[in-house]
Amino acid sequence: MPSPKKRPSSQGNAVLLQLSERPQLDFELDFFSALLRVVPDHTDALRVQAENLCEKGMVKEGLKLDQALVRLRPADPAAHYDLACRYARLAQPDLAIQSLRKAVELGYSDFQSMTQDRDLESIRKDPRFHDLLKAHGSR
């Protein structure tokens, strides 16, 4: 005979209600922070959390996670692209262009995104950005 299901305590209900009323972004920030405390090299969690932090306006914190992701996945073009975006948002054009160039060398080829991504706005008028696009057949 199956055991009866336990009903959540009133304290458990209060916690669930509190969680359900939180904005999705805040919930994810807490969730992925907890996950990364347990599994600090979880690459998918690093990628999502870096994006969440940036969306929350915590770009420097997101940059640290992107740097960790690139160390863990040095051949991942998307990781280098995301790193370029963080550097660009932090007004570090040399590092942004360098990371973007690395992303392209590793196979990143969504040039349409590059020309429209708001994160790259600060480097879009940089001649090196245009040279990168020209060198890889896009413009």
N, C-alpha and C. Protein backbone atom coordinates (compact mmCIF):
# COMPACT_ATOMS: atom_id res chain seq x y z
N MET A 1 0.85 -1.18 0.00
CA MET A 1 0.00 0.00 0.00
C MET A 1 0.89 1.24 0.00
N PRO A 2 0.69 2.17 -0.96
CA PRO A 2 1.53 3.35 -1.02
C PRO A 2 1.31 4.24 0.20
N SER A 3 2.40 4.87 0.60
CA SER A 3 2.30 5.75 1.76
C SER A 3 1.57 7.03 1.37
N PRO A 4 0.83 7.60 2.31
CA PRO A 4 0.10 8.83 2.00
C PRO A 4 1.08 9.97 1.72
N LYS A 5 0.69 10.83 0.82
CA LYS A 5 1.54 11.97 0.49
C LYS A 5 1.48 12.98 1.62
N LYS A 6 2.65 13.52 1.90
CA LYS A 6 2.71 14.54 2.94
C LYS A 6 2.28 15.87 2.34
N ARG A 7 1.51 16.59 3.10
CA ARG A 7 1.13 17.94 2.68
C ARG A 7 2.22 18.89 3.15
N PRO A 8 2.54 19.87 2.33
CA PRO A 8 3.54 20.84 2.77
C PRO A 8 3.06 21.55 4.03
N SER A 9 3.99 21.82 4.90
CA SER A 9 3.66 22.55 6.12
C SER A 9 3.25 23.97 5.75
N SER A 10 2.64 24.64 6.70
CA SER A 10 2.27 26.03 6.42
C SER A 10 3.51 26.86 6.18
N GLN A 11 4.62 26.50 6.84
CA GLN A 11 5.88 27.20 6.60
C GLN A 11 6.35 26.92 5.17
N GLY A 12 6.24 25.66 4.73
CA GLY A 12 6.60 25.30 3.36
C GLY A 12 5.75 26.03 2.35
N ASN A 13 4.45 26.15 2.64
CA ASN A 13 3.56 26.89 1.74
C ASN A 13 3.96 28.35 1.65
N ALA A 14 4.35 28.92 2.76
CA ALA A 14 4.76 30.34 2.77
C ALA A 14 6.01 30.54 1.93
N VAL A 15 6.94 29.60 2.02
CA VAL A 15 8.17 29.69 1.23
C VAL A 15 7.84 29.58 -0.25
N LEU A 16 6.99 28.61 -0.60
CA LEU A 16 6.60 28.45 -2.01
C LEU A 16 5.87 29.68 -2.53
N LEU A 17 4.99 30.23 -1.72
CA LEU A 17 4.27 31.43 -2.13
C LEU A 17 5.24 32.59 -2.34
N GLN A 18 6.19 32.73 -1.43
CA GLN A 18 7.18 33.80 -1.54
C GLN A 18 8.00 33.63 -2.82
N LEU A 19 8.42 32.40 -3.11
CA LEU A 19 9.19 32.15 -4.33
C LEU A 19 8.36 32.42 -5.58
N SER A 20 7.11 32.05 -5.55
CA SER A 20 6.27 32.22 -6.75
C SER A 20 5.99 33.68 -7.06
N GLU A 21 6.13 34.55 -6.08
CA GLU A 21 5.87 35.97 -6.30
C GLU A 21 7.10 36.75 -6.73
N ARG A 22 8.24 36.10 -6.76
CA ARG A 22 9.48 36.77 -7.15
C ARG A 22 9.56 36.88 -8.66
N PRO A 23 10.18 37.94 -9.14
CA PRO A 23 10.41 38.03 -10.59
C PRO A 23 11.29 36.85 -11.05
N GLN A 24 11.05 36.40 -12.25
CA GLN A 24 11.79 35.26 -12.80
C GLN A 24 13.30 35.47 -12.74
N LEU A 25 13.75 36.68 -13.08
CA LEU A 25 15.19 36.96 -13.09
C LEU A 25 15.78 36.80 -11.69
N ASP A 26 15.12 37.30 -10.68
CA ASP A 26 15.63 37.16 -9.31
C ASP A 26 15.66 35.70 -8.89
N PHE A 27 14.62 34.96 -9.25
CA PHE A 27 14.59 33.53 -8.94
C PHE A 27 15.78 32.83 -9.59
N GLU A 28 16.01 33.10 -10.87
CA GLU A 28 17.13 32.45 -11.57
C GLU A 28 18.47 32.85 -10.99
N LEU A 29 18.63 34.11 -10.64
CA LEU A 29 19.89 34.55 -10.03
C LEU A 29 20.19 33.75 -8.76
N ASP A 30 19.19 33.60 -7.92
CA ASP A 30 19.38 32.83 -6.68
C ASP A 30 19.62 31.35 -6.98
N PHE A 31 18.83 30.81 -7.90
CA PHE A 31 18.96 29.39 -8.24
C PHE A 31 20.35 29.06 -8.78
N PHE A 32 20.79 29.84 -9.77
CA PHE A 32 22.09 29.55 -10.38
C PHE A 32 23.25 29.88 -9.44
N SER A 33 23.08 30.85 -8.57
CA SER A 33 24.12 31.12 -7.56
C SER A 33 24.29 29.91 -6.66
N ALA A 34 23.17 29.34 -6.23
CA ALA A 34 23.22 28.15 -5.36
C ALA A 34 23.85 26.97 -6.11
N LEU A 35 23.47 26.78 -7.35
CA LEU A 35 24.03 25.69 -8.15
C LEU A 35 25.53 25.86 -8.32
N LEU A 36 25.96 27.08 -8.62
CA LEU A 36 27.39 27.32 -8.85
C LEU A 36 28.22 27.23 -7.56
N ARG A 37 27.59 27.42 -6.41
CA ARG A 37 28.31 27.18 -5.16
C ARG A 37 28.64 25.70 -4.99
N VAL A 38 27.75 24.85 -5.49
CA VAL A 38 27.94 23.41 -5.38
C VAL A 38 28.78 22.86 -6.53
N VAL A 39 28.53 23.36 -7.74
CA VAL A 39 29.23 22.91 -8.94
C VAL A 39 29.79 24.14 -9.66
N PRO A 40 30.92 24.68 -9.20
CA PRO A 40 31.42 25.95 -9.74
C PRO A 40 31.84 25.91 -11.20
N ASP A 41 32.06 24.74 -11.75
CA ASP A 41 32.48 24.65 -13.16
C ASP A 41 31.36 24.15 -14.07
N HIS A 42 30.12 24.33 -13.66
CA HIS A 42 28.97 23.94 -14.47
C HIS A 42 28.82 24.97 -15.60
N THR A 43 29.26 24.59 -16.78
CA THR A 43 29.38 25.57 -17.86
C THR A 43 28.03 26.16 -18.29
N ASP A 44 26.99 25.35 -18.34
CA ASP A 44 25.68 25.88 -18.73
C ASP A 44 25.18 26.89 -17.70
N ALA A 45 25.39 26.58 -16.43
CA ALA A 45 24.97 27.50 -15.37
C ALA A 45 25.79 28.79 -15.42
N LEU A 46 27.08 28.68 -15.69
CA LEU A 46 27.92 29.88 -15.81
C LEU A 46 27.40 30.79 -16.92
N ARG A 47 27.08 30.19 -18.06
CA ARG A 47 26.62 30.97 -19.22
C ARG A 47 25.31 31.70 -18.90
N VAL A 48 24.37 30.97 -18.33
CA VAL A 48 23.06 31.57 -18.03
C VAL A 48 23.20 32.62 -16.93
N GLN A 49 23.98 32.32 -15.91
CA GLN A 49 24.11 33.26 -14.80
C GLN A 49 24.83 34.54 -15.24
N ALA A 50 25.81 34.42 -16.11
CA ALA A 50 26.49 35.62 -16.61
C ALA A 50 25.49 36.52 -17.34
N GLU A 51 24.64 35.92 -18.16
CA GLU A 51 23.62 36.69 -18.87
C GLU A 51 22.62 37.30 -17.90
N ASN A 52 22.20 36.54 -16.91
CA ASN A 52 21.26 37.05 -15.91
C ASN A 52 21.85 38.24 -15.15
N LEU A 53 23.11 38.12 -14.75
CA LEU A 53 23.75 39.21 -14.02
C LEU A 53 23.80 40.48 -14.87
N CYS A 54 24.12 40.31 -16.13
CA CYS A 54 24.18 41.47 -17.02
C CYS A 54 22.81 42.09 -17.21
N GLU A 55 21.81 41.24 -17.34
CA GLU A 55 20.44 41.74 -17.48
C GLU A 55 20.02 42.53 -16.25
N LYS A 56 20.55 42.14 -15.10
CA LYS A 56 20.24 42.83 -13.84
C LYS A 56 21.11 44.08 -13.66
N GLY A 57 22.04 44.32 -14.61
CA GLY A 57 22.90 45.49 -14.53
C GLY A 57 24.21 45.24 -13.81
N MET A 58 24.50 43.99 -13.52
CA MET A 58 25.71 43.60 -12.79
C MET A 58 26.74 43.06 -13.79
N VAL A 59 27.16 43.93 -14.70
CA VAL A 59 27.99 43.51 -15.83
C VAL A 59 29.37 43.04 -15.37
N LYS A 60 29.97 43.70 -14.40
CA LYS A 60 31.29 43.27 -13.92
C LYS A 60 31.24 41.86 -13.34
N GLU A 61 30.18 41.55 -12.62
CA GLU A 61 30.01 40.20 -12.07
C GLU A 61 29.80 39.19 -13.19
N GLY A 62 29.02 39.58 -14.21
CA GLY A 62 28.82 38.72 -15.37
C GLY A 62 30.11 38.47 -16.11
N LEU A 63 30.94 39.50 -16.21
CA LEU A 63 32.24 39.38 -16.87
C LEU A 63 33.08 38.30 -16.18
N LYS A 64 33.10 38.28 -14.88
CA LYS A 64 33.89 37.27 -14.15
C LYS A 64 33.45 35.86 -14.51
N LEU A 65 32.15 35.66 -14.64
CA LEU A 65 31.66 34.33 -15.01
C LEU A 65 32.00 33.99 -16.45
N ASP A 66 31.92 34.99 -17.34
CA ASP A 66 32.31 34.75 -18.73
C ASP A 66 33.80 34.41 -18.83
N GLN A 67 34.62 35.07 -18.04
CA GLN A 67 36.05 34.76 -18.03
C GLN A 67 36.28 33.32 -17.55
N ALA A 68 35.54 32.92 -16.53
CA ALA A 68 35.65 31.54 -16.04
C ALA A 68 35.20 30.56 -17.11
N LEU A 69 34.13 30.88 -17.82
CA LEU A 69 33.62 30.01 -18.87
C LEU A 69 34.65 29.84 -19.99
N VAL A 70 35.31 30.93 -20.37
CA VAL A 70 36.33 30.85 -21.42
C VAL A 70 37.52 30.01 -20.94
N ARG A 71 37.85 30.10 -19.67
CA ARG A 71 38.94 29.24 -19.14
C ARG A 71 38.53 27.76 -19.20
N LEU A 72 37.27 27.47 -18.91
CA LEU A 72 36.79 26.09 -18.93
C LEU A 72 36.55 25.57 -20.35
N ARG A 73 36.18 26.46 -21.25
CA ARG A 73 35.85 26.08 -22.63
C ARG A 73 36.57 26.99 -23.61
N PRO A 74 37.89 26.88 -23.68
CA PRO A 74 38.67 27.81 -24.50
C PRO A 74 38.38 27.73 -26.00
N ALA A 75 37.78 26.65 -26.47
CA ALA A 75 37.50 26.50 -27.91
C ALA A 75 36.03 26.79 -28.24
N ASP A 76 35.29 27.35 -27.31
CA ASP A 76 33.87 27.62 -27.50
C ASP A 76 33.68 29.03 -28.07
N PRO A 77 33.29 29.14 -29.34
CA PRO A 77 33.16 30.48 -29.93
C PRO A 77 32.09 31.33 -29.25
N ALA A 78 31.01 30.72 -28.80
CA ALA A 78 29.94 31.49 -28.14
C ALA A 78 30.43 32.08 -26.82
N ALA A 79 31.28 31.35 -26.12
CA ALA A 79 31.83 31.86 -24.86
C ALA A 79 32.69 33.10 -25.12
N HIS A 80 33.48 33.07 -26.16
CA HIS A 80 34.31 34.23 -26.51
C HIS A 80 33.44 35.40 -27.00
N TYR A 81 32.38 35.10 -27.72
CA TYR A 81 31.46 36.15 -28.16
C TYR A 81 30.82 36.84 -26.97
N ASP A 82 30.34 36.04 -26.02
CA ASP A 82 29.73 36.61 -24.82
C ASP A 82 30.74 37.45 -24.04
N LEU A 83 31.97 36.98 -23.97
CA LEU A 83 33.03 37.73 -23.30
C LEU A 83 33.24 39.08 -24.01
N ALA A 84 33.25 39.07 -25.33
CA ALA A 84 33.39 40.31 -26.09
C ALA A 84 32.25 41.28 -25.76
N CYS A 85 31.06 40.75 -25.65
CA CYS A 85 29.91 41.59 -25.32
C CYS A 85 30.08 42.25 -23.95
N ARG A 86 30.56 41.50 -22.97
CA ARG A 86 30.75 42.08 -21.62
C ARG A 86 31.82 43.17 -21.66
N TYR A 87 32.93 42.89 -22.34
CA TYR A 87 33.98 43.90 -22.43
C TYR A 87 33.46 45.17 -23.13
N ALA A 88 32.68 44.99 -24.17
CA ALA A 88 32.14 46.14 -24.89
C ALA A 88 31.21 46.94 -23.98
N ARG A 89 30.39 46.26 -23.21
CA ARG A 89 29.48 46.97 -22.30
C ARG A 89 30.24 47.71 -21.21
N LEU A 90 31.43 47.24 -20.89
CA LEU A 90 32.25 47.89 -19.86
C LEU A 90 33.24 48.89 -20.47
N ALA A 91 33.03 49.23 -21.73
CA ALA A 91 33.86 50.21 -22.44
C ALA A 91 35.34 49.82 -22.42
N GLN A 92 35.60 48.56 -22.75
CA GLN A 92 36.96 48.06 -22.89
C GLN A 92 37.13 47.56 -24.33
N PRO A 93 37.26 48.49 -25.27
CA PRO A 93 37.22 48.11 -26.69
C PRO A 93 38.34 47.18 -27.13
N ASP A 94 39.54 47.34 -26.60
CA ASP A 94 40.63 46.47 -27.02
C ASP A 94 40.33 45.01 -26.68
N LEU A 95 39.89 44.79 -25.45
CA LEU A 95 39.56 43.42 -25.03
C LEU A 95 38.32 42.90 -25.75
N ALA A 96 37.37 43.78 -26.02
CA ALA A 96 36.16 43.38 -26.73
C ALA A 96 36.50 42.91 -28.15
N ILE A 97 37.29 43.70 -28.85
CA ILE A 97 37.68 43.34 -30.23
C ILE A 97 38.51 42.06 -30.22
N GLN A 98 39.43 41.95 -29.28
CA GLN A 98 40.27 40.75 -29.18
C GLN A 98 39.41 39.51 -28.95
N SER A 99 38.43 39.59 -28.06
CA SER A 99 37.56 38.45 -27.77
C SER A 99 36.65 38.14 -28.95
N LEU A 100 36.17 39.18 -29.61
CA LEU A 100 35.32 38.98 -30.79
C LEU A 100 36.11 38.32 -31.91
N ARG A 101 37.33 38.75 -32.11
CA ARG A 101 38.20 38.16 -33.12
C ARG A 101 38.42 36.66 -32.82
N LYS A 102 38.65 36.36 -31.54
CA LYS A 102 38.86 34.96 -31.14
C LYS A 102 37.59 34.14 -31.41
N ALA A 103 36.43 34.71 -31.12
CA ALA A 103 35.17 34.01 -31.37
C ALA A 103 35.04 33.67 -32.85
N VAL A 104 35.36 34.62 -33.72
CA VAL A 104 35.27 34.40 -35.17
C VAL A 104 36.30 33.35 -35.61
N GLU A 105 37.51 33.44 -35.09
CA GLU A 105 38.54 32.45 -35.44
C GLU A 105 38.11 31.04 -35.05
N LEU A 106 37.34 30.93 -33.97
CA LEU A 106 36.88 29.62 -33.50
C LEU A 106 35.61 29.14 -34.21
N GLY A 107 35.07 30.00 -35.09
CA GLY A 107 33.92 29.56 -35.87
C GLY A 107 32.64 30.35 -35.68
N TYR A 108 32.64 31.35 -34.83
CA TYR A 108 31.43 32.16 -34.68
C TYR A 108 31.18 32.88 -36.00
N SER A 109 29.97 32.75 -36.54
CA SER A 109 29.72 33.30 -37.87
C SER A 109 28.39 34.04 -37.99
N ASP A 110 27.77 34.37 -36.89
CA ASP A 110 26.51 35.10 -36.95
C ASP A 110 26.80 36.60 -37.02
N PHE A 111 27.25 37.02 -38.20
CA PHE A 111 27.66 38.41 -38.39
C PHE A 111 26.47 39.36 -38.31
N GLN A 112 25.30 38.86 -38.64
CA GLN A 112 24.08 39.68 -38.52
C GLN A 112 23.87 40.07 -37.06
N SER A 113 24.07 39.13 -36.15
CA SER A 113 23.95 39.44 -34.72
C SER A 113 24.98 40.47 -34.30
N MET A 114 26.19 40.30 -34.80
CA MET A 114 27.26 41.24 -34.43
C MET A 114 26.90 42.66 -34.80
N THR A 115 26.26 42.83 -35.96
CA THR A 115 25.95 44.18 -36.41
C THR A 115 24.72 44.76 -35.71
N GLN A 116 23.97 43.91 -35.01
CA GLN A 116 22.75 44.38 -34.35
C GLN A 116 22.77 44.23 -32.83
N ASP A 117 23.68 43.44 -32.30
CA ASP A 117 23.71 43.18 -30.86
C ASP A 117 23.98 44.47 -30.10
N ARG A 118 23.04 44.85 -29.26
CA ARG A 118 23.17 46.10 -28.50
C ARG A 118 24.37 46.07 -27.56
N ASP A 119 24.77 44.90 -27.13
CA ASP A 119 25.94 44.80 -26.25
C ASP A 119 27.22 45.27 -26.94
N LEU A 120 27.26 45.18 -28.25
CA LEU A 120 28.47 45.56 -29.00
C LEU A 120 28.41 47.01 -29.51
N GLU A 121 27.42 47.74 -29.10
CA GLU A 121 27.23 49.11 -29.58
C GLU A 121 28.48 49.97 -29.42
N SER A 122 29.18 49.82 -28.31
CA SER A 122 30.33 50.69 -28.04
C SER A 122 31.51 50.46 -28.98
N ILE A 123 31.53 49.33 -29.68
CA ILE A 123 32.66 49.05 -30.59
C ILE A 123 32.23 49.05 -32.06
N ARG A 124 30.97 49.27 -32.30
CA ARG A 124 30.47 49.15 -33.67
C ARG A 124 31.11 50.15 -34.63
N LYS A 125 31.53 51.31 -34.15
CA LYS A 125 32.15 52.31 -35.02
C LYS A 125 33.67 52.19 -35.04
N ASP A 126 34.19 51.25 -34.29
CA ASP A 126 35.64 51.03 -34.24
C ASP A 126 36.08 50.44 -35.58
N PRO A 127 37.10 51.01 -36.21
CA PRO A 127 37.57 50.48 -37.50
C PRO A 127 37.95 49.00 -37.42
N ARG A 128 38.44 48.55 -36.28
CA ARG A 128 38.81 47.14 -36.13
C ARG A 128 37.58 46.24 -36.22
N PHE A 129 36.44 46.72 -35.77
CA PHE A 129 35.19 45.97 -35.87
C PHE A 129 34.83 45.80 -37.34
N HIS A 130 34.91 46.88 -38.10
CA HIS A 130 34.61 46.82 -39.53
C HIS A 130 35.62 45.96 -40.28
N ASP A 131 36.88 46.04 -39.89
CA ASP A 131 37.91 45.20 -40.51
C ASP A 131 37.61 43.72 -40.27
N LEU A 132 37.17 43.40 -39.07
CA LEU A 132 36.84 42.02 -38.74
C LEU A 132 35.69 41.51 -39.61
N LEU A 133 34.68 42.33 -39.77
CA LEU A 133 33.55 41.93 -40.62
C LEU A 133 33.98 41.77 -42.07
N LYS A 134 34.77 42.71 -42.57
CA LYS A 134 35.24 42.63 -43.96
C LYS A 134 36.11 41.40 -44.19
N ALA A 135 36.97 41.11 -43.25
CA ALA A 135 37.91 40.00 -43.38
C ALA A 135 37.18 38.64 -43.45
N HIS A 136 35.99 38.62 -42.91
CA HIS A 136 35.27 37.35 -42.88
C HIS A 136 34.03 37.35 -43.79
N GLY A 137 34.10 38.22 -44.83
CA GLY A 137 33.10 38.17 -45.88
C GLY A 137 31.75 38.76 -45.56
N SER A 138 31.67 39.59 -44.55
CA SER A 138 30.38 40.18 -44.22
C SER A 138 30.54 41.69 -44.12
N ARG A 139 29.46 42.36 -44.40
CA ARG A 139 29.45 43.83 -44.21
C ARG A 139 28.19 44.40 -44.77
